[in-house]
């Protein structure tokens, strides 16, 4: 299953564009002919299973490795010919951020700032406050939790006040509360600080909660790209149903005109239907004395993404 989407002519709103971006390691293509468009103001989700080529792509976007072919344009400037100008308004973290564990958060950022010509004390304190570390600026990083280290990595990416912030799996390894804190921070950076966010993840649900546009890659190649809501809504919607007695459940389903397709699966039924009619179906089942055990809305893109993720984990 493959979803193809194209865009019209580029506008000034496109601040990140890759053109046939490719990276080969010996005989293996880590990324191949990747064409992405990120618009100013986007929270752009970059999705794919582990090993799909996300981190390799981000390393090319930040000019940490050279592509085998293709190019990256940032704010209209080619990374190949105008590297310094292109990266001037970009900040990012790749994979797990590294710090001097026996130094304070403040000192770590001071060192990073010095590498780029120096950063004021006020700016360092501002970004530490922005990511929720304002009360821990003098504590050594070794005392930080994993989530705090992730937020310190984002503070590092924000130090130069970039317009485009590239984050590689910022919620990786976090508990649900830590994931929510990072989501809230991303929303704040986008809506209140007017940053454009490029966010890689292997979790579709995480991207759905925060992003307005997204792209999915698999084995280094683009699968789909577009607005999150449209991509999730345009495919088939169906509900997985389990209940007792199963025979009665099937009988009630057959009487619902909005259930356009009913397919029996191992322990229940797969019903193609609009999601907004799920409460109506539930009431009909309860009225007919069916014990509803599960009612799970699903979408075709979600299933596709889960299938490639599961296949990669078994490889």
Protein backbone atom coordinates (compact mmCIF):
# COMPACT_ATOMS: atom_id res chain seq x y z
CA UNK A 1 0.00 0.00 0.00
CA UNK A 2 1.45 3.40 -0.99
CA UNK A 3 0.04 6.92 -0.76
CA UNK A 4 1.26 9.51 -3.25
CA UNK A 5 0.79 13.23 -2.83
CA UNK A 6 2.30 16.13 -4.74
CA UNK A 7 2.32 19.85 -4.27
CA UNK A 8 2.00 22.77 -6.67
CA UNK A 9 4.69 25.35 -7.39
CA UNK A 10 6.94 26.30 -4.48
CA UNK A 11 6.21 29.54 -2.64
CA UNK A 12 8.23 31.74 -0.29
CA UNK A 13 6.46 29.87 2.49
CA UNK A 14 8.58 26.75 1.84
CA UNK A 15 11.58 27.19 4.13
CA UNK A 16 12.94 23.64 3.88
CA UNK A 17 13.01 21.67 0.64
CA UNK A 18 14.91 18.53 -0.26
CA UNK A 19 15.38 17.61 -3.91
CA UNK A 20 16.07 13.93 -4.64
CA UNK A 21 18.09 13.79 -1.43
CA UNK A 22 20.01 10.52 -1.23
CA UNK A 23 22.67 8.86 0.92
CA UNK A 24 24.38 5.58 0.12
CA UNK A 25 26.67 3.55 2.33
CA UNK A 26 28.54 1.16 0.03
CA UNK A 27 25.76 -0.78 -1.69
CA UNK A 28 22.96 0.21 0.69
CA UNK A 29 20.80 3.29 0.19
CA UNK A 30 19.95 4.75 3.62
CA UNK A 31 17.93 7.54 1.95
CA UNK A 32 16.91 7.64 -1.69
CA UNK A 33 15.33 10.39 -3.84
CA UNK A 34 13.67 12.08 -0.86
CA UNK A 35 11.59 15.17 -1.69
CA UNK A 36 10.22 17.06 1.31
CA UNK A 37 8.59 20.46 1.76
CA UNK A 38 8.30 22.20 5.11
CA UNK A 39 6.32 25.45 5.23
CA UNK A 40 6.95 28.39 7.54
CA UNK A 41 4.96 27.86 10.76
CA UNK A 42 4.63 24.09 10.34
CA UNK A 43 4.99 21.51 13.03
CA UNK A 44 6.15 18.94 10.50
CA UNK A 45 6.14 15.30 11.60
CA UNK A 46 8.82 13.14 9.97
CA UNK A 47 7.67 9.56 10.52
CA UNK A 48 9.12 6.16 9.92
CA UNK A 49 10.01 2.94 11.73
CA UNK A 50 13.41 2.62 13.37
CA UNK A 51 16.04 2.28 10.65
CA UNK A 52 13.89 4.01 8.00
CA UNK A 53 16.47 6.76 7.39
CA UNK A 54 15.15 9.54 9.63
CA UNK A 55 18.37 10.32 11.50
CA UNK A 56 20.43 10.06 8.30
CA UNK A 57 18.08 12.58 6.68
CA UNK A 58 18.37 14.94 9.65
CA UNK A 59 22.16 14.70 9.59
CA UNK A 60 22.05 15.79 5.95
CA UNK A 61 19.60 18.62 6.74
CA UNK A 62 22.02 19.93 9.38
CA UNK A 63 25.06 19.39 7.15
CA UNK A 64 26.62 16.86 9.53
CA UNK A 65 27.08 14.42 6.64
CA UNK A 66 27.20 15.03 2.90
CA UNK A 67 24.51 13.53 0.66
CA UNK A 68 25.51 11.13 -2.08
CA UNK A 69 23.11 12.95 -4.40
CA UNK A 70 20.46 15.65 -4.31
CA UNK A 71 20.33 18.91 -2.38
CA UNK A 72 18.77 20.68 0.59
CA UNK A 73 17.44 24.25 0.39
CA UNK A 74 16.96 26.16 3.64
CA UNK A 75 15.24 29.53 3.39
CA UNK A 76 15.84 29.43 -0.36
CA UNK A 77 19.59 28.81 -0.04
CA UNK A 78 21.35 25.66 -1.21
CA UNK A 79 23.14 23.77 1.55
CA UNK A 80 25.62 22.62 -1.09
CA UNK A 81 26.72 26.10 -2.22
CA UNK A 82 25.69 28.43 0.65
CA UNK A 83 26.10 26.27 3.74
CA UNK A 84 26.80 28.97 6.34
CA UNK A 85 24.01 31.28 5.20
CA UNK A 86 21.56 28.38 4.87
CA UNK A 87 22.17 27.16 8.42
CA UNK A 88 22.16 30.58 10.07
CA UNK A 89 18.51 30.33 11.17
CA UNK A 90 18.49 26.58 11.97
CA UNK A 91 18.97 24.78 15.29
CA UNK A 92 18.67 21.09 16.01
CA UNK A 93 19.49 17.96 17.95
CA UNK A 94 20.24 14.55 16.46
CA UNK A 95 19.42 11.37 18.35
CA UNK A 96 20.54 11.51 22.01
CA UNK A 97 22.01 14.91 23.00
CA UNK A 98 25.42 14.71 24.73
CA UNK A 99 26.59 16.91 27.60
CA UNK A 100 29.40 17.28 30.10
CA UNK A 101 27.69 15.42 32.94
CA UNK A 102 29.82 16.93 35.75
CA UNK A 103 29.10 20.50 34.62
CA UNK A 104 25.94 22.50 35.22
CA UNK A 105 23.26 23.03 32.58
CA UNK A 106 24.27 26.68 32.47
CA UNK A 107 27.94 25.87 31.90
CA UNK A 108 27.11 23.33 29.20
CA UNK A 109 25.14 25.93 27.24
CA UNK A 110 27.84 28.54 27.84
CA UNK A 111 30.39 26.24 26.19
CA UNK A 112 28.09 25.58 23.23
CA UNK A 113 27.47 29.31 22.88
CA UNK A 114 31.20 30.04 22.94
CA UNK A 115 31.70 27.71 19.97
CA UNK A 116 29.34 29.95 17.99
CA UNK A 117 30.86 33.30 18.96
CA UNK A 118 29.46 33.64 22.47
CA UNK A 119 26.01 33.80 24.06
CA UNK A 120 24.85 36.22 26.75
CA UNK A 121 24.00 35.09 30.26
CA UNK A 122 20.50 36.48 29.75
CA UNK A 123 19.93 34.33 26.66
CA UNK A 124 21.18 31.15 28.38
CA UNK A 125 18.88 31.73 31.35
CA UNK A 126 16.01 32.55 28.99
CA UNK A 127 16.21 29.25 27.06
CA UNK A 128 16.66 27.22 30.25
CA UNK A 129 13.52 28.86 31.62
CA UNK A 130 11.73 28.27 28.34
CA UNK A 131 12.27 24.50 28.54
CA UNK A 132 11.32 24.31 32.21
CA UNK A 133 14.82 24.09 33.72
CA UNK A 134 14.94 27.55 35.24
CA UNK A 135 15.17 26.17 38.78
CA UNK A 136 17.95 23.72 37.92
CA UNK A 137 20.42 25.90 36.01
CA UNK A 138 23.26 25.35 38.51
CA UNK A 139 22.73 21.61 39.02
CA UNK A 140 25.12 19.19 37.33
CA UNK A 141 23.64 17.40 34.35
CA UNK A 142 24.41 14.01 35.93
CA UNK A 143 21.59 14.72 38.41
CA UNK A 144 19.07 15.27 35.59
CA UNK A 145 16.41 12.76 34.62
CA UNK A 146 16.22 11.51 31.03
CA UNK A 147 13.37 13.90 30.30
CA UNK A 148 15.32 16.86 31.69
CA UNK A 149 18.29 15.96 29.50
CA UNK A 150 15.96 15.90 26.49
CA UNK A 151 14.72 19.37 27.39
CA UNK A 152 18.29 20.57 27.86
CA UNK A 153 18.99 19.29 24.34
CA UNK A 154 16.10 21.39 23.04
CA UNK A 155 17.47 24.39 24.98
CA UNK A 156 20.79 23.86 23.19
CA UNK A 157 18.99 23.83 19.82
CA UNK A 158 17.23 27.10 20.75
CA UNK A 159 20.33 28.95 21.92
CA UNK A 160 20.83 30.95 18.71
CA UNK A 161 17.08 31.78 18.51
CA UNK A 162 16.62 29.87 15.21
CA UNK A 163 13.50 30.12 13.07
CA UNK A 164 13.62 26.41 12.15
CA UNK A 165 14.12 23.85 14.94
CA UNK A 166 14.96 20.25 13.96
CA UNK A 167 14.28 17.65 16.65
CA UNK A 168 15.22 13.99 16.24
CA UNK A 169 13.00 11.68 18.37
CA UNK A 170 12.74 14.14 21.32
CA UNK A 171 10.27 11.90 23.20
CA UNK A 172 12.31 8.72 22.77
CA UNK A 173 12.51 6.75 26.02
CA UNK A 174 10.26 9.10 27.97
CA UNK A 175 7.34 8.10 30.17
CA UNK A 176 3.85 9.43 29.28
CA UNK A 177 4.26 12.51 31.48
CA UNK A 178 7.64 13.31 29.92
CA UNK A 179 6.17 12.90 26.44
CA UNK A 180 3.35 15.30 27.30
CA UNK A 181 5.84 17.88 28.60
CA UNK A 182 7.78 17.75 25.31
CA UNK A 183 4.52 18.02 23.30
CA UNK A 184 3.48 21.06 25.33
CA UNK A 185 6.90 22.63 24.77
CA UNK A 186 6.68 22.05 21.02
CA UNK A 187 3.22 23.65 20.93
CA UNK A 188 4.56 26.63 22.85
CA UNK A 189 7.56 27.04 20.54
CA UNK A 190 5.30 26.90 17.50
CA UNK A 191 2.30 28.95 18.57
CA UNK A 192 3.84 31.45 21.01
CA UNK A 193 7.44 31.70 19.78
CA UNK A 194 6.57 31.38 16.07
CA UNK A 195 9.13 28.65 15.41
CA UNK A 196 8.87 26.14 12.57
CA UNK A 197 9.41 22.64 13.97
CA UNK A 198 10.72 19.61 12.06
CA UNK A 199 10.01 16.65 14.35
CA UNK A 200 11.08 13.09 13.65
CA UNK A 201 9.33 10.18 15.38
CA UNK A 202 8.50 6.50 15.01
CA UNK A 203 5.14 7.01 16.75
CA UNK A 204 2.18 8.00 14.56
CA UNK A 205 0.03 8.86 17.57
CA UNK A 206 2.62 11.31 18.91
CA UNK A 207 2.82 13.10 15.57
CA UNK A 208 -0.97 13.18 15.23
CA UNK A 209 -1.24 14.96 18.59
CA UNK A 210 1.19 17.74 17.74
CA UNK A 211 1.82 18.11 13.98
CA UNK A 212 -0.19 19.84 11.25
CA UNK A 213 1.73 18.28 8.34
CA UNK A 214 3.79 15.13 8.00
CA UNK A 215 5.77 12.80 5.78
CA UNK A 216 6.29 9.05 6.17
CA UNK A 217 9.42 7.31 4.95
CA UNK A 218 10.20 3.61 4.83
CA UNK A 219 13.53 2.07 3.86
CA UNK A 220 14.79 5.53 2.97
CA UNK A 221 12.03 6.38 0.49
CA UNK A 222 9.07 8.74 0.76
CA UNK A 223 5.74 6.98 1.24
CA UNK A 224 3.40 9.93 1.70
CA UNK A 225 3.40 13.63 2.53
CA UNK A 226 0.66 16.13 3.33
CA UNK A 227 -1.62 17.54 5.99
CA UNK A 228 -2.00 15.19 8.94
CA UNK A 229 -5.79 15.46 9.13
CA UNK A 230 -6.30 14.89 5.40
CA UNK A 231 -3.95 11.93 5.26
CA UNK A 232 -5.63 10.26 8.20
CA UNK A 233 -9.18 11.05 7.06
CA UNK A 234 -8.97 10.27 3.36
CA UNK A 235 -8.44 6.54 3.73
CA UNK A 236 -11.04 4.01 4.73
CA UNK A 237 -12.42 4.28 8.25
CA UNK A 238 -13.55 1.17 10.06
CA UNK A 239 -14.27 -0.14 13.52
CA UNK A 240 -13.03 -3.36 15.10
CA UNK A 241 -15.85 -4.89 17.15
CA UNK A 242 -15.97 -7.67 19.69
CA UNK A 243 -19.06 -8.70 21.64
CA UNK A 244 -21.25 -11.54 22.91
CA UNK A 245 -23.20 -13.36 21.69
CA UNK A 246 -21.29 -13.13 18.42
CA UNK A 247 -24.24 -14.34 16.34
CA UNK A 248 -26.48 -11.59 17.72
CA UNK A 249 -23.73 -9.03 17.15
CA UNK A 250 -23.58 -10.00 13.48
CA UNK A 251 -27.35 -9.81 13.17
CA UNK A 252 -27.52 -6.27 14.60
CA UNK A 253 -24.64 -5.08 12.41
CA UNK A 254 -26.44 -6.35 9.31
CA UNK A 255 -29.41 -4.09 10.07
CA UNK A 256 -27.38 -0.85 10.22
CA UNK A 257 -27.50 0.97 6.84
CA UNK A 258 -24.29 2.94 7.59
CA UNK A 259 -22.26 -0.27 8.03
CA UNK A 260 -21.13 -0.49 4.40
CA UNK A 261 -18.88 -3.51 4.78
CA UNK A 262 -18.83 -6.19 7.49
CA UNK A 263 -15.97 -8.67 7.59
CA UNK A 264 -15.59 -11.42 10.17
CA UNK A 265 -12.19 -11.63 11.83
CA UNK A 266 -10.83 -14.05 14.44
CA UNK A 267 -12.66 -12.79 17.51
CA UNK A 268 -15.10 -10.26 16.11
CA UNK A 269 -15.92 -8.10 13.10
CA UNK A 270 -14.36 -5.33 11.03
CA UNK A 271 -17.03 -2.77 10.07
CA UNK A 272 -16.52 0.02 7.52
CA UNK A 273 -18.47 3.01 8.83
CA UNK A 274 -18.20 6.72 9.75
CA UNK A 275 -16.56 7.32 13.14
CA UNK A 276 -19.24 9.81 14.22
CA UNK A 277 -21.84 7.02 14.14
CA UNK A 278 -19.97 4.79 16.60
CA UNK A 279 -22.11 5.97 19.59
CA UNK A 280 -25.27 5.20 17.57
CA UNK A 281 -24.03 1.69 16.82
CA UNK A 282 -23.14 1.15 20.47
CA UNK A 283 -26.69 2.12 21.54
CA UNK A 284 -28.19 -0.27 18.98
CA UNK A 285 -26.05 -3.14 20.27
CA UNK A 286 -26.91 -2.44 23.93
CA UNK A 287 -30.66 -2.23 23.10
CA UNK A 288 -30.41 -5.66 21.51
CA UNK A 289 -28.68 -7.16 24.56
CA UNK A 290 -25.24 -7.49 22.96
CA UNK A 291 -22.38 -7.29 25.50
CA UNK A 292 -19.89 -4.98 23.81
CA UNK A 293 -16.33 -6.00 24.72
CA UNK A 294 -14.37 -3.75 22.38
CA UNK A 295 -15.09 -1.02 19.83
CA UNK A 296 -11.88 0.34 18.25
CA UNK A 297 -11.91 2.96 15.45
CA UNK A 298 -9.12 2.42 12.90
CA UNK A 299 -7.90 4.11 9.71
CA UNK A 300 -6.12 2.72 6.67
CA UNK A 301 -3.03 4.97 7.01
CA UNK A 302 -2.72 4.04 10.66
CA UNK A 303 -2.84 0.35 9.77
CA UNK A 304 -0.31 0.86 6.99
CA UNK A 305 2.10 2.63 9.32
CA UNK A 306 1.68 -0.05 11.97
CA UNK A 307 2.29 -2.76 9.39
CA UNK A 308 5.62 -1.30 8.20
CA UNK A 309 6.67 -0.69 11.80
CA UNK A 310 5.89 -4.28 12.76
CA UNK A 311 7.62 -5.66 9.67
CA UNK A 312 10.77 -3.66 10.44
CA UNK A 313 10.85 -4.87 14.05
CA UNK A 314 10.69 -8.50 12.84
CA UNK A 315 13.43 -8.02 10.22
